[in-house]
Amino acid sequence: MNKSQIGHYLFLAGVIIAVIAGLINLGIPHLGTILVLLGAIVGFVNVSGAESRTFLIAGIAFLATASALNGLPGLGDSIAGIAANLSAFASPAVLIVAIKSLLTTAGD
């Protein structure tokens, strides 16, 4: 199994865990920490230089939208939970890809 396959499976695992945990209480201690760590690994392993720009634009758009959803009353605990969990997963990935992009740009 190569690096991109591992990153792909970790990305899928993070999204699935975030959605399921948003729908039902899994009772997993430190779930947020687990999602943050998975997101950080995905940011390091799964996003290459060629796809960094698209990933960053999509990630920033998602995080802004998820943040706005939390402010809407009556949206439902499930949707708010899913958005919060996906944000915990996506934020470190976006941060790491942004830092990698900045370092690449500064090196040019």
C-alpha atoms as a PDB file:
ATOM      1  CA  MET A   1       0.000   0.000   0.000  1.00  0.00           C
ATOM      2  CA  ASN A   2       1.516   3.303  -1.072  1.00  0.00           C
ATOM      3  CA  LYS A   3       1.364   6.710   0.589  1.00  0.00           C
ATOM      4  CA  SER A   4      -1.518   8.060  -1.494  1.00  0.00           C
ATOM      5  CA  GLN A   5      -3.663   4.989  -0.788  1.00  0.00           C
ATOM      6  CA  ILE A   6      -3.062   5.373   2.944  1.00  0.00           C
ATOM      7  CA  GLY A   7      -3.986   9.056   2.728  1.00  0.00           C
ATOM      8  CA  HIS A   8      -7.112   8.209   0.730  1.00  0.00           C
ATOM      9  CA  TYR A   9      -8.282   5.647   3.288  1.00  0.00           C
ATOM     10  CA  LEU A  10      -7.514   7.971   6.205  1.00  0.00           C
ATOM     11  CA  PHE A  11      -9.509  10.730   4.505  1.00  0.00           C
ATOM     12  CA  LEU A  12     -12.484   8.399   4.025  1.00  0.00           C
ATOM     13  CA  ALA A  13     -12.180   7.136   7.605  1.00  0.00           C
ATOM     14  CA  GLY A  14     -12.130  10.689   8.962  1.00  0.00           C
ATOM     15  CA  VAL A  15     -15.205  11.730   6.986  1.00  0.00           C
ATOM     16  CA  ILE A  16     -17.127   8.569   7.921  1.00  0.00           C
ATOM     17  CA  ILE A  17     -16.242   8.870  11.616  1.00  0.00           C
ATOM     18  CA  ALA A  18     -17.169  12.570  11.633  1.00  0.00           C
ATOM     19  CA  VAL A  19     -20.556  11.962  10.003  1.00  0.00           C
ATOM     20  CA  ILE A  20     -21.492   8.936  12.117  1.00  0.00           C
ATOM     21  CA  ALA A  21     -20.373  10.655  15.321  1.00  0.00           C
ATOM     22  CA  GLY A  22     -22.454  13.684  14.337  1.00  0.00           C
ATOM     23  CA  LEU A  23     -25.541  11.536  13.891  1.00  0.00           C
ATOM     24  CA  ILE A  24     -25.206   9.370  16.993  1.00  0.00           C
ATOM     25  CA  ASN A  25     -23.197   9.665  20.165  1.00  0.00           C
ATOM     26  CA  LEU A  26     -20.452   7.086  19.784  1.00  0.00           C
ATOM     27  CA  GLY A  27     -19.111   7.691  23.267  1.00  0.00           C
ATOM     28  CA  ILE A  28     -15.542   7.812  21.994  1.00  0.00           C
ATOM     29  CA  PRO A  29     -13.357   9.712  24.430  1.00  0.00           C
ATOM     30  CA  HIS A  30     -11.275  12.431  22.788  1.00  0.00           C
ATOM     31  CA  LEU A  31     -13.092  12.093  19.449  1.00  0.00           C
ATOM     32  CA  GLY A  32     -12.135  15.658  18.539  1.00  0.00           C
ATOM     33  CA  THR A  33      -8.463  14.891  19.113  1.00  0.00           C
ATOM     34  CA  ILE A  34      -8.718  11.782  16.947  1.00  0.00           C
ATOM     35  CA  LEU A  35     -10.335  13.780  14.136  1.00  0.00           C
ATOM     36  CA  VAL A  36      -7.701  16.519  14.394  1.00  0.00           C
ATOM     37  CA  LEU A  37      -4.878  13.965  14.217  1.00  0.00           C
ATOM     38  CA  LEU A  38      -6.466  12.205  11.238  1.00  0.00           C
ATOM     39  CA  GLY A  39      -6.878  15.558   9.500  1.00  0.00           C
ATOM     40  CA  ALA A  40      -3.253  16.473  10.151  1.00  0.00           C
ATOM     41  CA  ILE A  41      -2.055  13.169   8.711  1.00  0.00           C
ATOM     42  CA  VAL A  42      -4.272  13.640   5.654  1.00  0.00           C
ATOM     43  CA  GLY A  43      -2.818  17.127   5.161  1.00  0.00           C
ATOM     44  CA  PHE A  44       0.722  15.742   5.243  1.00  0.00           C
ATOM     45  CA  VAL A  45       0.163  12.584   3.226  1.00  0.00           C
ATOM     46  CA  ASN A  46      -2.775  12.988   0.884  1.00  0.00           C
ATOM     47  CA  VAL A  47      -2.513  16.447  -0.689  1.00  0.00           C
ATOM     48  CA  SER A  48       0.269  17.015  -3.207  1.00  0.00           C
ATOM     49  CA  GLY A  49       1.513  20.255  -4.703  1.00  0.00           C
ATOM     50  CA  ALA A  50      -0.619  19.931  -7.816  1.00  0.00           C
ATOM     51  CA  GLU A  51      -3.886  19.708  -5.918  1.00  0.00           C
ATOM     52  CA  SER A  52      -3.027  22.095  -3.074  1.00  0.00           C
ATOM     53  CA  ARG A  53      -4.804  25.114  -4.563  1.00  0.00           C
ATOM     54  CA  THR A  54      -8.072  23.231  -5.170  1.00  0.00           C
ATOM     55  CA  PHE A  55      -7.898  21.620  -1.729  1.00  0.00           C
ATOM     56  CA  LEU A  56      -7.313  24.967  -0.025  1.00  0.00           C
ATOM     57  CA  ILE A  57     -10.164  26.710  -1.842  1.00  0.00           C
ATOM     58  CA  ALA A  58     -12.582  23.856  -1.132  1.00  0.00           C
ATOM     59  CA  GLY A  59     -11.390  23.568   2.466  1.00  0.00           C
ATOM     60  CA  ILE A  60     -11.762  27.270   3.200  1.00  0.00           C
ATOM     61  CA  ALA A  61     -15.207  27.333   1.572  1.00  0.00           C
ATOM     62  CA  PHE A  62     -16.290  24.315   3.603  1.00  0.00           C
ATOM     63  CA  LEU A  63     -14.988  25.692   6.898  1.00  0.00           C
ATOM     64  CA  ALA A  64     -16.704  29.045   6.320  1.00  0.00           C
ATOM     65  CA  THR A  65     -19.978  27.325   5.468  1.00  0.00           C
ATOM     66  CA  ALA A  66     -19.786  24.918   8.399  1.00  0.00           C
ATOM     67  CA  SER A  67     -19.117  27.834  10.713  1.00  0.00           C
ATOM     68  CA  ALA A  68     -22.162  29.665   9.370  1.00  0.00           C
ATOM     69  CA  LEU A  69     -24.353  26.580   9.828  1.00  0.00           C
ATOM     70  CA  ASN A  70     -23.569  26.501  13.540  1.00  0.00           C
ATOM     71  CA  GLY A  71     -25.174  29.925  13.913  1.00  0.00           C
ATOM     72  CA  LEU A  72     -28.522  28.896  12.427  1.00  0.00           C
ATOM     73  CA  PRO A  73     -31.070  27.951  15.086  1.00  0.00           C
ATOM     74  CA  GLY A  74     -33.343  25.012  14.449  1.00  0.00           C
ATOM     75  CA  LEU A  75     -30.969  23.340  12.033  1.00  0.00           C
ATOM     76  CA  GLY A  76     -30.810  20.278  14.188  1.00  0.00           C
ATOM     77  CA  ASP A  77     -28.281  18.777  16.499  1.00  0.00           C
ATOM     78  CA  SER A  78     -27.269  16.162  13.942  1.00  0.00           C
ATOM     79  CA  ILE A  79     -26.346  18.671  11.229  1.00  0.00           C
ATOM     80  CA  ALA A  80     -24.532  20.863  13.742  1.00  0.00           C
ATOM     81  CA  GLY A  81     -22.674  17.818  15.101  1.00  0.00           C
ATOM     82  CA  ILE A  82     -21.666  16.662  11.638  1.00  0.00           C
ATOM     83  CA  ALA A  83     -20.479  20.164  10.702  1.00  0.00           C
ATOM     84  CA  ALA A  84     -18.473  20.483  13.927  1.00  0.00           C
ATOM     85  CA  ASN A  85     -16.854  17.071  13.490  1.00  0.00           C
ATOM     86  CA  LEU A  86     -16.032  17.659   9.829  1.00  0.00           C
ATOM     87  CA  SER A  87     -14.549  21.041  10.781  1.00  0.00           C
ATOM     88  CA  ALA A  88     -12.361  19.381  13.417  1.00  0.00           C
ATOM     89  CA  PHE A  89     -11.182  16.951  10.742  1.00  0.00           C
ATOM     90  CA  ALA A  90     -10.719  19.464   7.895  1.00  0.00           C
ATOM     91  CA  SER A  91      -9.125  22.366   9.798  1.00  0.00           C
ATOM     92  CA  PRO A  92      -5.731  20.777  10.477  1.00  0.00           C
ATOM     93  CA  ALA A  93      -5.553  19.383   6.934  1.00  0.00           C
ATOM     94  CA  VAL A  94      -6.220  22.841   5.474  1.00  0.00           C
ATOM     95  CA  LEU A  95      -3.701  24.421   7.857  1.00  0.00           C
ATOM     96  CA  ILE A  96      -0.961  21.952   6.974  1.00  0.00           C
ATOM     97  CA  VAL A  97      -1.562  22.233   3.223  1.00  0.00           C
ATOM     98  CA  ALA A  98      -1.512  26.036   3.551  1.00  0.00           C
ATOM     99  CA  ILE A  99       1.806  25.927   5.414  1.00  0.00           C
ATOM    100  CA  LYS A 100       3.271  23.518   2.843  1.00  0.00           C
ATOM    101  CA  SER A 101       2.119  25.848   0.047  1.00  0.00           C
ATOM    102  CA  LEU A 102       3.629  28.889   1.764  1.00  0.00           C
ATOM    103  CA  LEU A 103       6.948  27.119   2.230  1.00  0.00           C
ATOM    104  CA  THR A 104       6.968  26.010  -1.404  1.00  0.00           C
ATOM    105  CA  THR A 105       6.147  29.524  -2.582  1.00  0.00           C
ATOM    106  CA  ALA A 106       8.799  31.069  -0.338  1.00  0.00           C
ATOM    107  CA  GLY A 107      11.371  28.621  -1.675  1.00  0.00           C
ATOM    108  CA  ASP A 108      10.729  29.602  -5.303  1.00  0.00           C
END
